[in-house]
Amino acid sequence: MQRLEKEIRKKRAELLAGLNSEQIEFFEAVEELRDILNRFESKFHVTMFPEEYDFMYDDSVDYKARKRGENPMQESYQQKVNERRQKFGLEPLEDNGMVRYDDSIRYTKDKVNRLLTSEDQTLKAEIKELIDVEFNFKRFMEQLKAYDVDQFMADKRKEMAKRFGKENI
């Protein structure tokens, strides 16, 4: 893990090299927003699809059963989960109770995106209550609208391509 951390720090230092303090501050604000959004999406996913994390509570017997392709969960639980997933338009769990596709992650990202762009305050209040997270939607949207993140990244890539050459980006 130390090598990975060193590489991440090195890439970050290269990226921030030559930027003024205002640009660095903005870059860090965008990173903070992304971190908040990722944590929010993650918590939302865990709350919406807890069955995808059931394997984490397996003891050695359940672990071996899953390895053999058997689902250690009760049949009624499996049916309930697969019916709920079907309502959302998602693939059912595998025979061993594991997830095969990342459709639930895409579903969650889409829901969060729609939630953030929605003006419906009751929907936001329900979601906040559901996942029990402190998240300032107004602040987030104001910061997001203040500067288009995609445009920022495109500008940053162009600047880095000029600086380091297109083949290095």
N, C-alpha and C. Protein backbone atom coordinates (compact mmCIF):
# COMPACT_ATOMS: atom_id res chain seq x y z
N MET A 1 0.82 -1.19 0.00
CA MET A 1 0.00 0.00 0.00
C MET A 1 0.87 1.26 0.00
N GLN A 2 2.03 1.19 0.56
CA GLN A 2 2.88 2.37 0.61
C GLN A 2 3.26 2.84 -0.79
N ARG A 3 3.54 1.90 -1.68
CA ARG A 3 3.93 2.27 -3.04
C ARG A 3 2.77 2.98 -3.75
N LEU A 4 1.57 2.46 -3.56
CA LEU A 4 0.40 3.08 -4.16
C LEU A 4 0.24 4.51 -3.66
N GLU A 5 0.36 4.70 -2.36
CA GLU A 5 0.24 6.04 -1.79
C GLU A 5 1.30 6.98 -2.33
N LYS A 6 2.51 6.48 -2.47
CA LYS A 6 3.59 7.30 -3.02
C LYS A 6 3.28 7.71 -4.46
N GLU A 7 2.78 6.75 -5.24
CA GLU A 7 2.44 7.05 -6.63
C GLU A 7 1.30 8.07 -6.72
N ILE A 8 0.33 7.93 -5.85
CA ILE A 8 -0.79 8.89 -5.84
C ILE A 8 -0.28 10.28 -5.49
N ARG A 9 0.55 10.36 -4.48
CA ARG A 9 1.13 11.66 -4.09
C ARG A 9 1.95 12.25 -5.22
N LYS A 10 2.73 11.40 -5.89
CA LYS A 10 3.57 11.86 -6.99
C LYS A 10 2.71 12.41 -8.13
N LYS A 11 1.66 11.68 -8.51
CA LYS A 11 0.77 12.14 -9.57
C LYS A 11 0.08 13.45 -9.19
N ARG A 12 -0.32 13.55 -7.94
CA ARG A 12 -0.97 14.77 -7.46
C ARG A 12 -0.02 15.95 -7.52
N ALA A 13 1.23 15.73 -7.10
CA ALA A 13 2.23 16.81 -7.15
C ALA A 13 2.48 17.24 -8.59
N GLU A 14 2.55 16.28 -9.51
CA GLU A 14 2.74 16.61 -10.92
C GLU A 14 1.56 17.42 -11.45
N LEU A 15 0.37 17.01 -11.06
CA LEU A 15 -0.84 17.68 -11.52
C LEU A 15 -0.91 19.12 -11.00
N LEU A 16 -0.51 19.32 -9.75
CA LEU A 16 -0.60 20.64 -9.14
C LEU A 16 0.59 21.54 -9.45
N ALA A 17 1.63 20.97 -10.03
CA ALA A 17 2.82 21.76 -10.35
C ALA A 17 2.46 22.88 -11.32
N GLY A 18 2.90 24.07 -11.01
CA GLY A 18 2.67 25.20 -11.89
C GLY A 18 1.33 25.90 -11.70
N LEU A 19 0.50 25.40 -10.82
CA LEU A 19 -0.78 26.06 -10.57
C LEU A 19 -0.61 27.11 -9.49
N ASN A 20 -1.35 28.17 -9.61
CA ASN A 20 -1.29 29.18 -8.55
C ASN A 20 -2.18 28.75 -7.39
N SER A 21 -2.12 29.49 -6.30
CA SER A 21 -2.83 29.08 -5.08
C SER A 21 -4.35 29.04 -5.28
N GLU A 22 -4.88 29.95 -6.08
CA GLU A 22 -6.32 29.96 -6.34
C GLU A 22 -6.74 28.71 -7.11
N GLN A 23 -5.95 28.32 -8.10
CA GLN A 23 -6.25 27.12 -8.87
C GLN A 23 -6.15 25.86 -8.00
N ILE A 24 -5.15 25.83 -7.14
CA ILE A 24 -4.98 24.68 -6.24
C ILE A 24 -6.17 24.60 -5.29
N GLU A 25 -6.58 25.74 -4.77
CA GLU A 25 -7.74 25.78 -3.86
C GLU A 25 -9.00 25.29 -4.57
N PHE A 26 -9.18 25.71 -5.82
CA PHE A 26 -10.34 25.27 -6.59
C PHE A 26 -10.27 23.77 -6.85
N PHE A 27 -9.09 23.29 -7.23
CA PHE A 27 -8.90 21.86 -7.49
C PHE A 27 -9.24 21.05 -6.24
N GLU A 28 -8.80 21.50 -5.10
CA GLU A 28 -9.09 20.79 -3.85
C GLU A 28 -10.58 20.84 -3.51
N ALA A 29 -11.24 21.93 -3.84
CA ALA A 29 -12.69 22.03 -3.60
C ALA A 29 -13.44 21.04 -4.48
N VAL A 30 -13.01 20.91 -5.74
CA VAL A 30 -13.64 19.95 -6.65
C VAL A 30 -13.41 18.53 -6.14
N GLU A 31 -12.20 18.24 -5.67
CA GLU A 31 -11.92 16.91 -5.11
C GLU A 31 -12.78 16.64 -3.89
N GLU A 32 -12.97 17.64 -3.05
CA GLU A 32 -13.81 17.48 -1.86
C GLU A 32 -15.25 17.19 -2.26
N LEU A 33 -15.74 17.90 -3.28
CA LEU A 33 -17.10 17.66 -3.76
C LEU A 33 -17.24 16.24 -4.31
N ARG A 34 -16.25 15.80 -5.06
CA ARG A 34 -16.29 14.43 -5.59
C ARG A 34 -16.29 13.42 -4.46
N ASP A 35 -15.50 13.66 -3.45
CA ASP A 35 -15.44 12.75 -2.30
C ASP A 35 -16.79 12.69 -1.60
N ILE A 36 -17.41 13.84 -1.40
CA ILE A 36 -18.73 13.89 -0.76
C ILE A 36 -19.74 13.13 -1.61
N LEU A 37 -19.73 13.38 -2.91
CA LEU A 37 -20.66 12.70 -3.80
C LEU A 37 -20.44 11.19 -3.79
N ASN A 38 -19.20 10.76 -3.83
CA ASN A 38 -18.90 9.32 -3.81
C ASN A 38 -19.36 8.67 -2.51
N ARG A 39 -19.13 9.35 -1.38
CA ARG A 39 -19.59 8.80 -0.10
C ARG A 39 -21.12 8.74 -0.05
N PHE A 40 -21.76 9.76 -0.58
CA PHE A 40 -23.22 9.79 -0.63
C PHE A 40 -23.76 8.64 -1.49
N GLU A 41 -23.18 8.47 -2.69
CA GLU A 41 -23.60 7.38 -3.57
C GLU A 41 -23.38 6.03 -2.91
N SER A 42 -22.26 5.90 -2.25
CA SER A 42 -21.93 4.64 -1.59
C SER A 42 -22.93 4.32 -0.48
N LYS A 43 -23.22 5.29 0.35
CA LYS A 43 -24.17 5.08 1.44
C LYS A 43 -25.56 4.80 0.88
N PHE A 44 -25.92 5.48 -0.15
CA PHE A 44 -27.21 5.27 -0.81
C PHE A 44 -27.29 3.84 -1.34
N HIS A 45 -26.21 3.36 -1.96
CA HIS A 45 -26.18 2.01 -2.51
C HIS A 45 -26.30 0.96 -1.41
N VAL A 46 -25.57 1.14 -0.34
CA VAL A 46 -25.63 0.18 0.78
C VAL A 46 -27.03 0.14 1.36
N THR A 47 -27.69 1.28 1.44
CA THR A 47 -29.04 1.34 2.00
C THR A 47 -30.06 0.72 1.06
N MET A 48 -29.92 0.97 -0.24
CA MET A 48 -30.88 0.45 -1.21
C MET A 48 -30.69 -1.04 -1.49
N PHE A 49 -29.44 -1.51 -1.45
CA PHE A 49 -29.15 -2.89 -1.83
C PHE A 49 -28.30 -3.60 -0.79
N PRO A 50 -28.83 -3.79 0.41
CA PRO A 50 -28.03 -4.44 1.47
C PRO A 50 -27.72 -5.91 1.15
N GLU A 51 -28.53 -6.52 0.29
CA GLU A 51 -28.29 -7.93 -0.05
C GLU A 51 -26.95 -8.14 -0.75
N GLU A 52 -26.42 -7.09 -1.36
CA GLU A 52 -25.14 -7.21 -2.05
C GLU A 52 -23.97 -7.25 -1.07
N TYR A 53 -24.25 -6.99 0.19
CA TYR A 53 -23.20 -6.99 1.21
C TYR A 53 -23.40 -8.12 2.22
N ASP A 54 -24.38 -8.99 1.99
CA ASP A 54 -24.65 -10.09 2.91
C ASP A 54 -23.45 -11.02 3.08
N PHE A 55 -22.70 -11.21 2.01
CA PHE A 55 -21.57 -12.13 2.08
C PHE A 55 -20.53 -11.71 3.11
N MET A 56 -20.52 -10.45 3.47
CA MET A 56 -19.54 -9.96 4.45
C MET A 56 -19.78 -10.54 5.84
N TYR A 57 -21.00 -11.01 6.07
CA TYR A 57 -21.33 -11.56 7.38
C TYR A 57 -21.26 -13.10 7.40
N ASP A 58 -20.75 -13.67 6.32
CA ASP A 58 -20.67 -15.13 6.25
C ASP A 58 -19.66 -15.69 7.25
N ASP A 59 -20.04 -16.79 7.88
CA ASP A 59 -19.06 -17.53 8.68
C ASP A 59 -18.40 -18.55 7.74
N SER A 60 -17.57 -19.39 8.26
CA SER A 60 -16.82 -20.31 7.40
C SER A 60 -17.74 -21.29 6.67
N VAL A 61 -18.82 -21.71 7.30
CA VAL A 61 -19.76 -22.64 6.66
C VAL A 61 -20.47 -21.95 5.49
N ASP A 62 -20.94 -20.73 5.71
CA ASP A 62 -21.61 -19.98 4.63
C ASP A 62 -20.64 -19.68 3.49
N TYR A 63 -19.42 -19.35 3.84
CA TYR A 63 -18.39 -19.06 2.84
C TYR A 63 -18.19 -20.27 1.93
N LYS A 64 -18.06 -21.44 2.54
CA LYS A 64 -17.85 -22.67 1.76
C LYS A 64 -19.08 -22.98 0.90
N ALA A 65 -20.27 -22.73 1.43
CA ALA A 65 -21.49 -22.97 0.67
C ALA A 65 -21.52 -22.06 -0.56
N ARG A 66 -21.20 -20.79 -0.39
CA ARG A 66 -21.18 -19.86 -1.53
C ARG A 66 -20.15 -20.30 -2.57
N LYS A 67 -19.02 -20.78 -2.09
CA LYS A 67 -17.98 -21.24 -3.00
C LYS A 67 -18.46 -22.41 -3.85
N ARG A 68 -19.32 -23.26 -3.27
CA ARG A 68 -19.89 -24.39 -4.00
C ARG A 68 -21.04 -23.95 -4.90
N GLY A 69 -21.42 -22.68 -4.84
CA GLY A 69 -22.50 -22.16 -5.67
C GLY A 69 -23.85 -22.17 -4.99
N GLU A 70 -23.88 -22.40 -3.69
CA GLU A 70 -25.13 -22.42 -2.95
C GLU A 70 -25.30 -21.10 -2.21
N ASN A 71 -26.54 -20.68 -2.08
CA ASN A 71 -26.83 -19.46 -1.33
C ASN A 71 -27.25 -19.85 0.09
N PRO A 72 -26.51 -19.40 1.11
CA PRO A 72 -26.86 -19.77 2.48
C PRO A 72 -28.07 -19.03 3.04
N MET A 73 -28.59 -18.07 2.31
CA MET A 73 -29.73 -17.31 2.79
C MET A 73 -31.02 -18.12 2.61
N GLN A 74 -32.03 -17.79 3.42
CA GLN A 74 -33.30 -18.49 3.34
C GLN A 74 -33.97 -18.24 1.99
N GLU A 75 -34.71 -19.21 1.54
CA GLU A 75 -35.39 -19.15 0.25
C GLU A 75 -36.35 -17.96 0.17
N SER A 76 -37.08 -17.69 1.27
CA SER A 76 -38.04 -16.58 1.28
C SER A 76 -37.31 -15.24 1.12
N TYR A 77 -36.15 -15.10 1.77
CA TYR A 77 -35.34 -13.88 1.66
C TYR A 77 -34.86 -13.71 0.22
N GLN A 78 -34.40 -14.79 -0.37
CA GLN A 78 -33.91 -14.73 -1.75
C GLN A 78 -35.02 -14.29 -2.71
N GLN A 79 -36.22 -14.83 -2.53
CA GLN A 79 -37.34 -14.46 -3.39
C GLN A 79 -37.70 -12.99 -3.21
N LYS A 80 -37.76 -12.56 -1.96
CA LYS A 80 -38.11 -11.17 -1.66
C LYS A 80 -37.10 -10.21 -2.30
N VAL A 81 -35.84 -10.54 -2.16
CA VAL A 81 -34.77 -9.68 -2.71
C VAL A 81 -34.86 -9.64 -4.23
N ASN A 82 -35.02 -10.79 -4.86
CA ASN A 82 -35.06 -10.84 -6.32
C ASN A 82 -36.31 -10.15 -6.88
N GLU A 83 -37.43 -10.23 -6.17
CA GLU A 83 -38.64 -9.51 -6.60
C GLU A 83 -38.41 -8.00 -6.51
N ARG A 84 -37.79 -7.57 -5.43
CA ARG A 84 -37.51 -6.14 -5.27
C ARG A 84 -36.54 -5.65 -6.35
N ARG A 85 -35.52 -6.44 -6.62
CA ARG A 85 -34.56 -6.07 -7.66
C ARG A 85 -35.25 -6.01 -9.02
N GLN A 86 -36.17 -6.93 -9.26
CA GLN A 86 -36.88 -6.96 -10.53
C GLN A 86 -37.74 -5.70 -10.70
N LYS A 87 -38.35 -5.23 -9.59
CA LYS A 87 -39.15 -3.99 -9.63
C LYS A 87 -38.29 -2.81 -10.09
N PHE A 88 -37.02 -2.80 -9.68
CA PHE A 88 -36.11 -1.72 -10.07
C PHE A 88 -35.54 -1.93 -11.48
N GLY A 89 -35.83 -3.09 -12.09
CA GLY A 89 -35.31 -3.38 -13.42
C GLY A 89 -33.88 -3.90 -13.38
N LEU A 90 -33.50 -4.53 -12.27
CA LEU A 90 -32.14 -5.04 -12.10
C LEU A 90 -32.10 -6.55 -12.24
N GLU A 91 -30.93 -7.06 -12.53
CA GLU A 91 -30.74 -8.50 -12.62
C GLU A 91 -30.86 -9.13 -11.22
N PRO A 92 -31.43 -10.35 -11.15
CA PRO A 92 -31.49 -11.02 -9.84
C PRO A 92 -30.10 -11.45 -9.40
N LEU A 93 -30.00 -11.81 -8.14
CA LEU A 93 -28.73 -12.30 -7.62
C LEU A 93 -28.42 -13.67 -8.22
N GLU A 94 -27.16 -14.01 -8.25
CA GLU A 94 -26.74 -15.33 -8.73
C GLU A 94 -27.25 -16.41 -7.79
N ASP A 95 -27.09 -17.66 -8.19
CA ASP A 95 -27.52 -18.79 -7.35
C ASP A 95 -26.81 -18.80 -6.00
N ASN A 96 -25.57 -18.30 -5.97
CA ASN A 96 -24.83 -18.29 -4.71
C ASN A 96 -25.08 -17.02 -3.89
N GLY A 97 -25.98 -16.16 -4.36
CA GLY A 97 -26.33 -14.96 -3.61
C GLY A 97 -25.44 -13.77 -3.89
N MET A 98 -24.57 -13.89 -4.84
CA MET A 98 -23.65 -12.79 -5.17
C MET A 98 -24.18 -12.01 -6.38
N VAL A 99 -23.61 -10.86 -6.61
CA VAL A 99 -24.01 -9.99 -7.71
C VAL A 99 -23.10 -10.28 -8.90
N ARG A 100 -23.68 -10.31 -10.07
CA ARG A 100 -22.87 -10.55 -11.26
C ARG A 100 -22.61 -9.25 -12.02
N TYR A 101 -23.58 -8.40 -12.07
CA TYR A 101 -23.49 -7.17 -12.86
C TYR A 101 -23.45 -5.95 -11.94
N ASP A 102 -22.98 -4.85 -12.50
CA ASP A 102 -22.93 -3.61 -11.72
C ASP A 102 -24.15 -2.72 -11.97
N ASP A 103 -25.25 -3.32 -12.38
CA ASP A 103 -26.44 -2.54 -12.69
C ASP A 103 -26.99 -1.79 -11.49
N SER A 104 -26.83 -2.32 -10.30
CA SER A 104 -27.33 -1.62 -9.11
C SER A 104 -26.50 -0.37 -8.83
N ILE A 105 -25.23 -0.43 -9.13
CA ILE A 105 -24.37 0.75 -8.95
C ILE A 105 -24.77 1.83 -9.95
N ARG A 106 -24.99 1.44 -11.18
CA ARG A 106 -25.43 2.40 -12.19
C ARG A 106 -26.80 2.98 -11.83
N TYR A 107 -27.69 2.13 -11.34
CA TYR A 107 -29.01 2.57 -10.91
C TYR A 107 -28.88 3.61 -9.79
N THR A 108 -28.03 3.33 -8.83
CA THR A 108 -27.81 4.24 -7.70
C THR A 108 -27.25 5.57 -8.18
N LYS A 109 -26.23 5.52 -9.03
CA LYS A 109 -25.65 6.76 -9.56
C LYS A 109 -26.68 7.60 -10.29
N ASP A 110 -27.53 6.93 -11.08
CA ASP A 110 -28.58 7.63 -11.80
C ASP A 110 -29.58 8.27 -10.84
N LYS A 111 -29.99 7.52 -9.81
CA LYS A 111 -30.93 8.05 -8.82
C LYS A 111 -30.34 9.26 -8.09
N VAL A 112 -29.08 9.15 -7.69
CA VAL A 112 -28.44 10.26 -6.99
C VAL A 112 -28.34 11.47 -7.91
N ASN A 113 -27.99 11.24 -9.15
CA ASN A 113 -27.89 12.34 -10.11
C ASN A 113 -29.25 13.02 -10.28
N ARG A 114 -30.30 12.23 -10.42
CA ARG A 114 -31.65 12.79 -10.55
C ARG A 114 -32.06 13.50 -9.26
N LEU A 115 -31.67 12.94 -8.15
CA LEU A 115 -31.99 13.55 -6.86
C LEU A 115 -31.32 14.92 -6.72
N LEU A 116 -30.07 15.01 -7.11
CA LEU A 116 -29.34 16.27 -6.97
C LEU A 116 -29.86 17.35 -7.90
N THR A 117 -30.38 16.95 -9.04
CA THR A 117 -30.89 17.95 -9.99
C THR A 117 -32.37 18.22 -9.80
N SER A 118 -33.02 17.47 -8.92
CA SER A 118 -34.45 17.65 -8.67
C SER A 118 -34.68 18.86 -7.77
N GLU A 119 -35.78 19.49 -7.97
CA GLU A 119 -36.16 20.62 -7.12
C GLU A 119 -37.15 20.20 -6.04
N ASP A 120 -37.54 18.94 -6.04
CA ASP A 120 -38.52 18.42 -5.10
C ASP A 120 -37.89 18.26 -3.72
N GLN A 121 -38.19 19.17 -2.81
CA GLN A 121 -37.60 19.16 -1.47
C GLN A 121 -38.08 17.99 -0.61
N THR A 122 -39.33 17.55 -0.83
CA THR A 122 -39.84 16.42 -0.03
C THR A 122 -39.09 15.14 -0.39
N LEU A 123 -38.79 14.97 -1.68
CA LEU A 123 -38.01 13.81 -2.11
C LEU A 123 -36.63 13.83 -1.45
N LYS A 124 -36.00 14.99 -1.44
CA LYS A 124 -34.68 15.11 -0.82
C LYS A 124 -34.75 14.82 0.68
N ALA A 125 -35.79 15.30 1.33
CA ALA A 125 -35.94 15.07 2.77
C ALA A 125 -36.13 13.58 3.05
N GLU A 126 -36.93 12.90 2.22
CA GLU A 126 -37.14 11.47 2.40
C GLU A 126 -35.85 10.69 2.22
N ILE A 127 -35.09 11.05 1.21
CA ILE A 127 -33.83 10.35 0.95
C ILE A 127 -32.84 10.61 2.08
N LYS A 128 -32.75 11.85 2.53
CA LYS A 128 -31.84 12.16 3.64
C LYS A 128 -32.20 11.35 4.88
N GLU A 129 -33.51 11.23 5.13
CA GLU A 129 -33.96 10.45 6.28
C GLU A 129 -33.65 8.97 6.09
N LEU A 130 -33.85 8.50 4.87
CA LEU A 130 -33.61 7.09 4.56
C LEU A 130 -32.15 6.70 4.80
N ILE A 131 -31.24 7.52 4.34
CA ILE A 131 -29.83 7.13 4.47
C ILE A 131 -29.15 7.77 5.66
N ASP A 132 -29.85 8.64 6.37
CA ASP A 132 -29.31 9.22 7.60
C ASP A 132 -27.91 9.81 7.40
N VAL A 133 -27.82 10.77 6.51
CA VAL A 133 -26.52 11.37 6.23
C VAL A 133 -26.69 12.90 6.21
N GLU A 134 -25.70 13.56 6.70
CA GLU A 134 -25.70 15.02 6.62
C GLU A 134 -25.13 15.42 5.26
N PHE A 135 -25.94 16.01 4.46
CA PHE A 135 -25.50 16.39 3.13
C PHE A 135 -26.19 17.69 2.77
N ASN A 136 -25.43 18.73 2.54
CA ASN A 136 -25.98 20.03 2.25
C ASN A 136 -26.21 20.15 0.74
N PHE A 137 -27.43 19.86 0.29
CA PHE A 137 -27.74 19.87 -1.14
C PHE A 137 -27.56 21.27 -1.73
N LYS A 138 -28.03 22.27 -1.01
CA LYS A 138 -27.96 23.63 -1.54
C LYS A 138 -26.51 24.05 -1.77
N ARG A 139 -25.67 23.82 -0.78
CA ARG A 139 -24.24 24.17 -0.91
C ARG A 139 -23.60 23.39 -2.05
N PHE A 140 -23.93 22.11 -2.13
CA PHE A 140 -23.37 21.27 -3.17
C PHE A 140 -23.75 21.78 -4.56
N MET A 141 -25.03 22.07 -4.75
CA MET A 141 -25.49 22.52 -6.06
C MET A 141 -24.93 23.90 -6.41
N GLU A 142 -24.82 24.78 -5.43
CA GLU A 142 -24.25 26.09 -5.70
C GLU A 142 -22.80 25.97 -6.16
N GLN A 143 -22.04 25.12 -5.47
CA GLN A 143 -20.64 24.94 -5.86
C GLN A 143 -20.53 24.27 -7.21
N LEU A 144 -21.42 23.32 -7.47
CA LEU A 144 -21.38 22.61 -8.74
C LEU A 144 -21.74 23.54 -9.89
N LYS A 145 -22.75 24.39 -9.66
CA LYS A 145 -23.16 25.32 -10.71
C LYS A 145 -22.14 26.44 -10.91
N ALA A 146 -21.36 26.72 -9.88
CA ALA A 146 -20.38 27.80 -9.98
C ALA A 146 -19.35 27.51 -11.06
N TYR A 147 -19.06 26.27 -11.27
CA TYR A 147 -18.09 25.91 -12.29
C TYR A 147 -18.39 24.51 -12.79
N ASP A 148 -18.48 24.35 -14.07
CA ASP A 148 -18.77 23.06 -14.66
C ASP A 148 -17.55 22.16 -14.52
N VAL A 149 -17.66 21.11 -13.76
CA VAL A 149 -16.54 20.22 -13.47
C VAL A 149 -16.00 19.58 -14.74
N ASP A 150 -16.89 19.19 -15.64
CA ASP A 150 -16.44 18.58 -16.89
C ASP A 150 -15.59 19.56 -17.69
N GLN A 151 -16.04 20.81 -17.73
CA GLN A 151 -15.28 21.82 -18.46
C GLN A 151 -13.93 22.04 -17.79
N PHE A 152 -13.91 22.06 -16.47
CA PHE A 152 -12.65 22.21 -15.73
C PHE A 152 -11.68 21.09 -16.10
N MET A 153 -12.18 19.85 -16.12
CA MET A 153 -11.30 18.72 -16.43
C MET A 153 -10.82 18.79 -17.88
N ALA A 154 -11.69 19.21 -18.77
CA ALA A 154 -11.29 19.36 -20.18
C ALA A 154 -10.21 20.42 -20.31
N ASP A 155 -10.39 21.55 -19.64
CA ASP A 155 -9.38 22.61 -19.66
C ASP A 155 -8.07 22.12 -19.07
N LYS A 156 -8.16 21.37 -17.97
CA LYS A 156 -6.97 20.85 -17.30
C LYS A 156 -6.22 19.89 -18.23
N ARG A 157 -6.96 19.02 -18.96
CA ARG A 157 -6.32 18.09 -19.89
C ARG A 157 -5.62 18.83 -21.01
N LYS A 158 -6.28 19.86 -21.54
CA LYS A 158 -5.66 20.66 -22.61
C LYS A 158 -4.37 21.31 -22.11
N GLU A 159 -4.46 21.90 -20.92
CA GLU A 159 -3.29 22.56 -20.34
C GLU A 159 -2.15 21.57 -20.12
N MET A 160 -2.48 20.40 -19.62
CA MET A 160 -1.44 19.39 -19.38
C MET A 160 -0.89 18.83 -20.69
N ALA A 161 -1.74 18.71 -21.71
CA ALA A 161 -1.28 18.23 -23.01
C ALA A 161 -0.29 19.22 -23.61
N LYS A 162 -0.57 20.52 -23.45
CA LYS A 162 0.36 21.53 -23.92
C LYS A 162 1.68 21.46 -23.18
N ARG A 163 1.58 21.27 -21.89
CA ARG A 163 2.75 21.27 -21.02
C ARG A 163 3.62 20.02 -21.17
N PHE A 164 2.97 18.85 -21.23
CA PHE A 164 3.70 17.59 -21.21
C PHE A 164 3.65 16.81 -22.52
N GLY A 165 2.86 17.27 -23.47
CA GLY A 165 2.70 16.54 -24.71
C GLY A 165 1.52 15.60 -24.65
N LYS A 166 0.81 15.47 -25.76
CA LYS A 166 -0.42 14.67 -25.78
C LYS A 166 -0.15 13.21 -25.45
N GLU A 167 0.99 12.69 -25.87
CA GLU A 167 1.27 11.26 -25.65
C GLU A 167 1.49 10.92 -24.18
N ASN A 168 1.73 11.92 -23.33
CA ASN A 168 1.95 11.68 -21.91
C ASN A 168 0.70 11.82 -21.07
N ILE A 169 -0.40 12.20 -21.68
CA ILE A 169 -1.64 12.44 -20.93
C ILE A 169 -2.55 11.25 -21.07
